[in-house]
Structure formats: C-alpha cells, structure tokens
Amino acid sequence: MHSTHYAQLDEPLWPLMNKFYRAHQSSMKAVRDAQLWVARRDEIIAALCLRPVSGGHWLTGLFVDPACREQGVAAALIAEAVKGLELPVWLFCHPDLRGFYERRGFTFDPPMPYAMVERLSRYARSKPMIAMGLEPLVRSTADNV
C-alpha cells in the first residue's frame, strides 16, 4: 500500500480538489475563502475545506474516495487540518455520523455563533443535520512543567 500524505493544497492546485469531487459524483465543492486540505497517495484520495467564520472555523466538504474508506484517512486528515488551531471548529453532519465525529473529539450541539446557528437552521430544513464542535487544545503552563 502507498503511504498517505496529508497537506494543505496550494492555491494553484485548487482545481484538483473540484476534479476529485466531480470524479466521485459528489456535490461538494472547494471553497475559495478556505484552507483546502487533501490526503494523497498517488492522487487525491480525500479532501476537506476549513473555512474561517466568526469566532472559529467551519469544516465542510469532507469526502473520502470510497475505495479508501475504513482506513483512517478521514480521521488523519481532520487531525492534520485542525492541528494547532486556536479557535473552535464546527461542522454540520447527518445524525448517523455523530459517533464518527465524537471519536475524533467533537461534541454534539456545541455553543456556536449566531451566524452558524442560523446556517444550520437553513440546512436542516431540507435534510437531517446536527452540529458538532471541537474545542482547541489549550495547554496551561502547569501542563508543560
């Protein structure tokens, strides 16, 4: 098996992310005002967008090539994308994915800025959707002694 490389996608390569989504008939799209993260073997095998929003970040567009699922790719990609962030990360997902995100440190129904609550309300009108949140790891000076 090839090794997997996780990295932020450089801006000139952003079209590759949309090509990846289209190749898998996903309706997801790369978001221009976001950090675009990918997992690669020879080609992109997973992608996500990390978009700055008021008071934190919004994780969207997480998609893993079906042939590469159940291999820890999504978990590793999320971990790399959120590493070192000093603000919370929120995402919206189908209720069936709650356990997946909880195993990655996200909590159900986190406090969110009004703009995110409003956005979730709009999305939830057309499909089942819940909010999950990940607080940044804050280490006190006592932890470092």
N, C-alpha and C. Protein backbone atom coordinates (compact mmCIF):
# COMPACT_ATOMS: atom_id res chain seq x y z
N MET A 1 0.84 -1.18 0.00
CA MET A 1 0.00 0.00 0.00
C MET A 1 0.89 1.24 0.00
N HIS A 2 0.46 2.26 -0.71
CA HIS A 2 1.19 3.52 -0.77
C HIS A 2 1.04 4.27 0.54
N SER A 3 2.05 5.07 0.88
CA SER A 3 1.92 5.90 2.07
C SER A 3 0.99 7.07 1.74
N THR A 4 0.36 7.59 2.76
CA THR A 4 -0.59 8.69 2.58
C THR A 4 0.04 9.97 3.10
N HIS A 5 -0.06 11.02 2.30
CA HIS A 5 0.48 12.33 2.65
C HIS A 5 -0.70 13.28 2.87
N TYR A 6 -0.69 13.99 4.00
CA TYR A 6 -1.76 14.93 4.36
C TYR A 6 -1.18 16.34 4.33
N ALA A 7 -1.81 17.24 3.56
CA ALA A 7 -1.27 18.59 3.45
C ALA A 7 -2.33 19.57 2.97
N GLN A 8 -2.05 20.83 3.26
CA GLN A 8 -2.89 21.90 2.71
C GLN A 8 -2.56 22.03 1.23
N LEU A 9 -3.57 22.19 0.42
CA LEU A 9 -3.40 22.28 -1.02
C LEU A 9 -3.03 23.71 -1.41
N ASP A 10 -1.96 23.87 -2.14
CA ASP A 10 -1.55 25.19 -2.60
C ASP A 10 -2.58 25.74 -3.59
N GLU A 11 -2.78 27.05 -3.55
CA GLU A 11 -3.81 27.69 -4.37
C GLU A 11 -3.78 27.30 -5.85
N PRO A 12 -2.62 27.23 -6.52
CA PRO A 12 -2.65 26.86 -7.95
C PRO A 12 -3.21 25.45 -8.20
N LEU A 13 -3.25 24.63 -7.16
CA LEU A 13 -3.73 23.25 -7.31
C LEU A 13 -5.20 23.08 -6.89
N TRP A 14 -5.85 24.15 -6.47
CA TRP A 14 -7.24 24.06 -6.01
C TRP A 14 -8.17 23.39 -7.02
N PRO A 15 -8.03 23.59 -8.33
CA PRO A 15 -8.93 22.90 -9.26
C PRO A 15 -8.88 21.37 -9.14
N LEU A 16 -7.78 20.83 -8.65
CA LEU A 16 -7.69 19.38 -8.48
C LEU A 16 -8.70 18.86 -7.46
N MET A 17 -9.01 19.69 -6.48
CA MET A 17 -9.96 19.27 -5.46
C MET A 17 -11.36 19.14 -6.06
N ASN A 18 -11.77 20.11 -6.87
CA ASN A 18 -13.08 20.01 -7.52
C ASN A 18 -13.10 18.84 -8.50
N LYS A 19 -11.98 18.60 -9.16
CA LYS A 19 -11.89 17.46 -10.08
C LYS A 19 -12.09 16.15 -9.29
N PHE A 20 -11.49 16.06 -8.11
CA PHE A 20 -11.65 14.90 -7.23
C PHE A 20 -13.12 14.72 -6.85
N TYR A 21 -13.76 15.80 -6.39
CA TYR A 21 -15.18 15.71 -6.02
C TYR A 21 -16.02 15.25 -7.21
N ARG A 22 -15.82 15.87 -8.37
CA ARG A 22 -16.60 15.50 -9.57
C ARG A 22 -16.38 14.06 -9.97
N ALA A 23 -15.14 13.57 -9.87
CA ALA A 23 -14.83 12.19 -10.26
C ALA A 23 -15.62 11.18 -9.44
N HIS A 24 -16.05 11.60 -8.25
CA HIS A 24 -16.82 10.72 -7.37
C HIS A 24 -18.29 11.13 -7.29
N GLN A 25 -18.74 11.92 -8.26
CA GLN A 25 -20.12 12.40 -8.34
C GLN A 25 -20.58 13.04 -7.04
N SER A 26 -19.67 13.71 -6.34
CA SER A 26 -20.01 14.43 -5.12
C SER A 26 -20.46 15.84 -5.48
N SER A 27 -21.44 16.33 -4.76
CA SER A 27 -21.89 17.71 -4.99
C SER A 27 -21.02 18.72 -4.24
N MET A 28 -20.04 18.24 -3.48
CA MET A 28 -19.18 19.13 -2.72
C MET A 28 -18.30 19.94 -3.67
N LYS A 29 -17.88 21.11 -3.18
CA LYS A 29 -17.01 21.98 -3.96
C LYS A 29 -15.97 22.61 -3.05
N ALA A 30 -14.80 22.87 -3.62
CA ALA A 30 -13.76 23.59 -2.89
C ALA A 30 -14.25 25.02 -2.66
N VAL A 31 -14.02 25.53 -1.48
CA VAL A 31 -14.46 26.87 -1.11
C VAL A 31 -13.26 27.81 -1.19
N ARG A 32 -13.39 28.87 -1.96
CA ARG A 32 -12.26 29.78 -2.22
C ARG A 32 -11.70 30.45 -0.98
N ASP A 33 -12.54 30.81 -0.01
CA ASP A 33 -12.04 31.54 1.16
C ASP A 33 -11.70 30.59 2.31
N ALA A 34 -11.22 29.40 1.97
CA ALA A 34 -10.94 28.38 2.99
C ALA A 34 -9.54 27.82 2.81
N GLN A 35 -9.10 27.10 3.84
CA GLN A 35 -7.91 26.26 3.69
C GLN A 35 -8.41 24.95 3.08
N LEU A 36 -7.79 24.51 2.02
CA LEU A 36 -8.18 23.26 1.38
C LEU A 36 -7.14 22.20 1.76
N TRP A 37 -7.61 21.12 2.33
CA TRP A 37 -6.74 20.05 2.81
C TRP A 37 -7.02 18.78 2.02
N VAL A 38 -5.97 18.03 1.71
CA VAL A 38 -6.13 16.79 0.98
C VAL A 38 -5.27 15.69 1.57
N ALA A 39 -5.70 14.47 1.32
CA ALA A 39 -4.90 13.27 1.58
C ALA A 39 -4.55 12.73 0.20
N ARG A 40 -3.28 12.42 0.01
CA ARG A 40 -2.84 11.92 -1.30
C ARG A 40 -2.09 10.61 -1.13
N ARG A 41 -2.28 9.77 -2.09
CA ARG A 41 -1.37 8.65 -2.29
C ARG A 41 -0.71 9.02 -3.60
N ASP A 42 -1.04 8.40 -4.71
CA ASP A 42 -0.55 8.95 -5.97
C ASP A 42 -1.43 10.13 -6.39
N GLU A 43 -2.70 10.01 -6.12
CA GLU A 43 -3.70 11.03 -6.43
C GLU A 43 -4.39 11.43 -5.13
N ILE A 44 -5.25 12.44 -5.22
CA ILE A 44 -6.06 12.84 -4.06
C ILE A 44 -7.02 11.70 -3.74
N ILE A 45 -7.05 11.31 -2.46
CA ILE A 45 -7.98 10.26 -2.02
C ILE A 45 -8.99 10.78 -1.00
N ALA A 46 -8.77 12.00 -0.50
CA ALA A 46 -9.71 12.61 0.44
C ALA A 46 -9.48 14.12 0.46
N ALA A 47 -10.52 14.85 0.83
CA ALA A 47 -10.43 16.30 0.85
C ALA A 47 -11.38 16.88 1.89
N LEU A 48 -11.04 18.09 2.34
CA LEU A 48 -11.95 18.86 3.20
C LEU A 48 -11.59 20.33 3.08
N CYS A 49 -12.56 21.18 3.44
CA CYS A 49 -12.36 22.63 3.48
C CYS A 49 -12.46 23.08 4.93
N LEU A 50 -11.59 23.98 5.31
CA LEU A 50 -11.62 24.57 6.65
C LEU A 50 -11.74 26.07 6.45
N ARG A 51 -12.95 26.55 6.68
CA ARG A 51 -13.29 27.94 6.36
C ARG A 51 -13.36 28.79 7.61
N PRO A 52 -12.69 29.95 7.61
CA PRO A 52 -12.79 30.83 8.77
C PRO A 52 -14.20 31.42 8.87
N VAL A 53 -14.76 31.39 10.07
CA VAL A 53 -16.06 32.01 10.35
C VAL A 53 -15.91 32.77 11.66
N SER A 54 -16.89 33.56 11.99
CA SER A 54 -16.85 34.36 13.21
C SER A 54 -16.57 33.49 14.43
N GLY A 55 -15.42 33.71 15.06
CA GLY A 55 -15.10 33.02 16.30
C GLY A 55 -14.54 31.62 16.14
N GLY A 56 -14.29 31.17 14.91
CA GLY A 56 -13.77 29.81 14.74
C GLY A 56 -13.59 29.42 13.29
N HIS A 57 -13.76 28.14 13.04
CA HIS A 57 -13.59 27.57 11.70
C HIS A 57 -14.76 26.63 11.42
N TRP A 58 -15.12 26.53 10.15
CA TRP A 58 -16.21 25.66 9.73
C TRP A 58 -15.61 24.59 8.82
N LEU A 59 -15.72 23.33 9.22
CA LEU A 59 -15.21 22.22 8.44
C LEU A 59 -16.32 21.77 7.50
N THR A 60 -16.04 21.79 6.21
CA THR A 60 -17.02 21.37 5.20
C THR A 60 -16.34 20.47 4.18
N GLY A 61 -17.15 19.84 3.37
CA GLY A 61 -16.65 19.13 2.20
C GLY A 61 -15.79 17.92 2.48
N LEU A 62 -15.89 17.29 3.66
CA LEU A 62 -15.09 16.10 3.92
C LEU A 62 -15.61 14.95 3.06
N PHE A 63 -14.72 14.44 2.23
CA PHE A 63 -15.08 13.32 1.35
C PHE A 63 -13.87 12.44 1.18
N VAL A 64 -14.07 11.12 1.31
CA VAL A 64 -13.00 10.14 1.11
C VAL A 64 -13.41 9.24 -0.04
N ASP A 65 -12.47 8.98 -0.94
CA ASP A 65 -12.68 8.04 -2.04
C ASP A 65 -13.25 6.75 -1.44
N PRO A 66 -14.38 6.26 -1.95
CA PRO A 66 -14.98 5.05 -1.39
C PRO A 66 -14.01 3.86 -1.29
N ALA A 67 -13.06 3.76 -2.20
CA ALA A 67 -12.09 2.66 -2.17
C ALA A 67 -11.09 2.80 -1.02
N CYS A 68 -11.04 3.97 -0.40
CA CYS A 68 -10.07 4.23 0.67
C CYS A 68 -10.72 4.42 2.03
N ARG A 69 -12.00 4.15 2.13
CA ARG A 69 -12.70 4.32 3.40
C ARG A 69 -12.34 3.20 4.37
N GLU A 70 -12.63 3.42 5.63
CA GLU A 70 -12.35 2.46 6.71
C GLU A 70 -10.85 2.20 6.86
N GLN A 71 -10.01 3.17 6.49
CA GLN A 71 -8.56 3.04 6.62
C GLN A 71 -7.97 4.14 7.50
N GLY A 72 -8.82 4.95 8.13
CA GLY A 72 -8.34 6.02 9.00
C GLY A 72 -7.95 7.30 8.26
N VAL A 73 -8.26 7.36 6.97
CA VAL A 73 -7.87 8.53 6.17
C VAL A 73 -8.60 9.79 6.63
N ALA A 74 -9.90 9.70 6.82
CA ALA A 74 -10.67 10.88 7.24
C ALA A 74 -10.19 11.38 8.60
N ALA A 75 -10.00 10.46 9.54
CA ALA A 75 -9.55 10.85 10.88
C ALA A 75 -8.19 11.55 10.82
N ALA A 76 -7.26 11.00 10.05
CA ALA A 76 -5.93 11.60 9.94
C ALA A 76 -5.98 12.96 9.24
N LEU A 77 -6.83 13.08 8.22
CA LEU A 77 -6.95 14.35 7.51
C LEU A 77 -7.53 15.43 8.42
N ILE A 78 -8.56 15.09 9.17
CA ILE A 78 -9.15 16.05 10.11
C ILE A 78 -8.10 16.46 11.14
N ALA A 79 -7.39 15.48 11.71
CA ALA A 79 -6.39 15.78 12.74
C ALA A 79 -5.32 16.73 12.20
N GLU A 80 -4.87 16.51 10.99
CA GLU A 80 -3.84 17.37 10.41
C GLU A 80 -4.38 18.78 10.16
N ALA A 81 -5.61 18.87 9.66
CA ALA A 81 -6.20 20.16 9.33
C ALA A 81 -6.44 21.03 10.57
N VAL A 82 -6.80 20.42 11.69
CA VAL A 82 -7.14 21.20 12.88
C VAL A 82 -5.96 21.37 13.84
N LYS A 83 -4.86 20.68 13.56
CA LYS A 83 -3.69 20.75 14.44
C LYS A 83 -3.21 22.20 14.57
N GLY A 84 -3.05 22.62 15.81
CA GLY A 84 -2.52 23.96 16.06
C GLY A 84 -3.53 25.09 15.99
N LEU A 85 -4.78 24.80 15.67
CA LEU A 85 -5.78 25.87 15.63
C LEU A 85 -6.05 26.37 17.04
N GLU A 86 -6.25 27.66 17.16
CA GLU A 86 -6.51 28.27 18.47
C GLU A 86 -7.96 28.64 18.66
N LEU A 87 -8.80 28.35 17.67
CA LEU A 87 -10.23 28.64 17.76
C LEU A 87 -11.02 27.36 17.52
N PRO A 88 -12.27 27.31 17.96
CA PRO A 88 -13.07 26.10 17.76
C PRO A 88 -13.32 25.79 16.28
N VAL A 89 -13.67 24.54 16.04
CA VAL A 89 -14.05 24.07 14.70
C VAL A 89 -15.46 23.50 14.83
N TRP A 90 -16.33 23.92 13.91
CA TRP A 90 -17.70 23.40 13.88
C TRP A 90 -17.93 22.71 12.55
N LEU A 91 -18.86 21.77 12.56
CA LEU A 91 -19.28 21.13 11.32
C LEU A 91 -20.73 20.72 11.46
N PHE A 92 -21.37 20.53 10.33
CA PHE A 92 -22.73 20.02 10.29
C PHE A 92 -22.67 18.66 9.60
N CYS A 93 -23.39 17.70 10.15
CA CYS A 93 -23.37 16.36 9.55
C CYS A 93 -24.71 15.67 9.77
N HIS A 94 -24.89 14.57 9.06
CA HIS A 94 -26.06 13.72 9.25
C HIS A 94 -25.96 13.11 10.65
N PRO A 95 -27.07 12.94 11.35
CA PRO A 95 -27.02 12.36 12.70
C PRO A 95 -26.30 11.00 12.77
N ASP A 96 -26.33 10.23 11.69
CA ASP A 96 -25.66 8.93 11.68
C ASP A 96 -24.14 9.05 11.84
N LEU A 97 -23.58 10.23 11.57
CA LEU A 97 -22.13 10.43 11.65
C LEU A 97 -21.68 10.96 13.02
N ARG A 98 -22.62 11.12 13.93
CA ARG A 98 -22.27 11.67 15.25
C ARG A 98 -21.17 10.86 15.93
N GLY A 99 -21.29 9.56 15.97
CA GLY A 99 -20.29 8.70 16.62
C GLY A 99 -18.91 8.84 15.99
N PHE A 100 -18.86 8.91 14.67
CA PHE A 100 -17.59 9.08 13.96
C PHE A 100 -16.88 10.34 14.45
N TYR A 101 -17.61 11.45 14.50
CA TYR A 101 -17.00 12.71 14.91
C TYR A 101 -16.71 12.74 16.41
N GLU A 102 -17.55 12.12 17.22
CA GLU A 102 -17.26 12.07 18.66
C GLU A 102 -15.96 11.32 18.92
N ARG A 103 -15.69 10.28 18.17
CA ARG A 103 -14.43 9.54 18.33
C ARG A 103 -13.22 10.38 17.94
N ARG A 104 -13.45 11.47 17.24
CA ARG A 104 -12.38 12.39 16.85
C ARG A 104 -12.32 13.61 17.74
N GLY A 105 -13.08 13.60 18.85
CA GLY A 105 -13.02 14.68 19.82
C GLY A 105 -14.10 15.74 19.69
N PHE A 106 -14.97 15.62 18.70
CA PHE A 106 -16.05 16.59 18.53
C PHE A 106 -17.16 16.29 19.51
N THR A 107 -17.88 17.34 19.91
CA THR A 107 -19.03 17.17 20.80
C THR A 107 -20.30 17.58 20.07
N PHE A 108 -21.40 16.98 20.48
CA PHE A 108 -22.70 17.25 19.89
C PHE A 108 -23.26 18.56 20.43
N ASP A 109 -23.90 19.32 19.55
CA ASP A 109 -24.62 20.54 19.90
C ASP A 109 -23.76 21.55 20.66
N PRO A 110 -22.63 21.95 20.07
CA PRO A 110 -21.73 22.88 20.76
C PRO A 110 -22.27 24.31 20.74
N PRO A 111 -21.77 25.16 21.63
CA PRO A 111 -22.11 26.58 21.52
C PRO A 111 -21.50 27.11 20.22
N MET A 112 -22.29 27.86 19.46
CA MET A 112 -21.82 28.41 18.18
C MET A 112 -22.27 29.85 18.04
N PRO A 113 -21.57 30.62 17.21
CA PRO A 113 -22.03 31.98 16.93
C PRO A 113 -23.37 31.95 16.21
N TYR A 114 -24.12 33.01 16.37
CA TYR A 114 -25.46 33.08 15.79
C TYR A 114 -25.47 32.77 14.29
N ALA A 115 -24.48 33.26 13.56
CA ALA A 115 -24.43 33.03 12.11
C ALA A 115 -24.38 31.54 11.78
N MET A 116 -23.67 30.76 12.61
CA MET A 116 -23.60 29.32 12.38
C MET A 116 -24.91 28.64 12.77
N VAL A 117 -25.53 29.08 13.84
CA VAL A 117 -26.82 28.53 14.26
C VAL A 117 -27.86 28.77 13.16
N GLU A 118 -27.84 29.97 12.61
CA GLU A 118 -28.77 30.33 11.53
C GLU A 118 -28.53 29.47 10.29
N ARG A 119 -27.26 29.25 9.95
CA ARG A 119 -26.90 28.43 8.79
C ARG A 119 -27.37 26.99 8.99
N LEU A 120 -27.15 26.44 10.19
CA LEU A 120 -27.61 25.08 10.48
C LEU A 120 -29.12 24.99 10.33
N SER A 121 -29.83 25.99 10.83
CA SER A 121 -31.29 26.01 10.72
C SER A 121 -31.74 25.94 9.26
N ARG A 122 -31.07 26.69 8.39
CA ARG A 122 -31.42 26.66 6.96
C ARG A 122 -31.14 25.29 6.36
N TYR A 123 -29.97 24.72 6.66
CA TYR A 123 -29.60 23.41 6.10
C TYR A 123 -30.55 22.32 6.59
N ALA A 124 -30.92 22.39 7.87
CA ALA A 124 -31.75 21.36 8.47
C ALA A 124 -33.18 21.35 7.93
N ARG A 125 -33.58 22.38 7.19
CA ARG A 125 -34.92 22.40 6.60
C ARG A 125 -35.06 21.34 5.51
N SER A 126 -33.97 21.04 4.81
CA SER A 126 -34.06 20.13 3.67
C SER A 126 -33.51 18.73 3.93
N LYS A 127 -32.74 18.55 5.03
CA LYS A 127 -32.22 17.22 5.34
C LYS A 127 -31.84 17.14 6.81
N PRO A 128 -31.80 15.93 7.37
CA PRO A 128 -31.42 15.81 8.78
C PRO A 128 -29.98 16.29 8.97
N MET A 129 -29.77 17.15 9.95
CA MET A 129 -28.46 17.76 10.13
C MET A 129 -28.26 18.11 11.60
N ILE A 130 -27.08 17.79 12.13
CA ILE A 130 -26.74 18.18 13.50
C ILE A 130 -25.42 18.97 13.47
N ALA A 131 -25.17 19.69 14.54
CA ALA A 131 -23.92 20.44 14.69
C ALA A 131 -23.00 19.68 15.63
N MET A 132 -21.71 19.71 15.29
CA MET A 132 -20.66 19.13 16.13
C MET A 132 -19.58 20.20 16.29
N GLY A 133 -18.86 20.15 17.40
CA GLY A 133 -17.82 21.14 17.63
C GLY A 133 -16.58 20.54 18.26
N LEU A 134 -15.46 21.14 17.95
CA LEU A 134 -14.17 20.72 18.50
C LEU A 134 -13.49 21.94 19.09
N GLU A 135 -13.23 21.90 20.38
CA GLU A 135 -12.54 23.00 21.04
C GLU A 135 -11.04 22.82 20.84
N PRO A 136 -10.31 23.92 20.73
CA PRO A 136 -8.85 23.80 20.59
C PRO A 136 -8.24 23.22 21.85
N LEU A 137 -7.11 22.54 21.69
CA LEU A 137 -6.38 22.04 22.86
C LEU A 137 -5.64 23.20 23.47
N VAL A 138 -6.03 23.55 24.68
CA VAL A 138 -5.38 24.66 25.39
C VAL A 138 -4.56 24.06 26.51
N ARG A 139 -3.28 24.27 26.45
CA ARG A 139 -2.38 23.73 27.48
C ARG A 139 -2.00 24.86 28.43
N SER A 140 -2.19 24.61 29.70
CA SER A 140 -1.77 25.61 30.68
C SER A 140 -0.27 25.45 30.92
N THR A 141 0.34 26.45 31.52
CA THR A 141 1.76 26.37 31.80
C THR A 141 2.06 25.25 32.76
N ALA A 142 1.09 24.89 33.63
CA ALA A 142 1.30 23.77 34.56
C ALA A 142 1.43 22.46 33.81
N ASP A 143 0.76 22.33 32.66
CA ASP A 143 0.87 21.10 31.87
C ASP A 143 2.26 20.92 31.29
N ASN A 144 2.98 22.00 31.12
CA ASN A 144 4.28 21.94 30.46
C ASN A 144 5.43 21.78 31.45
N VAL A 145 5.13 21.71 32.73
CA VAL A 145 6.19 21.62 33.75
C VAL A 145 6.62 20.18 33.91
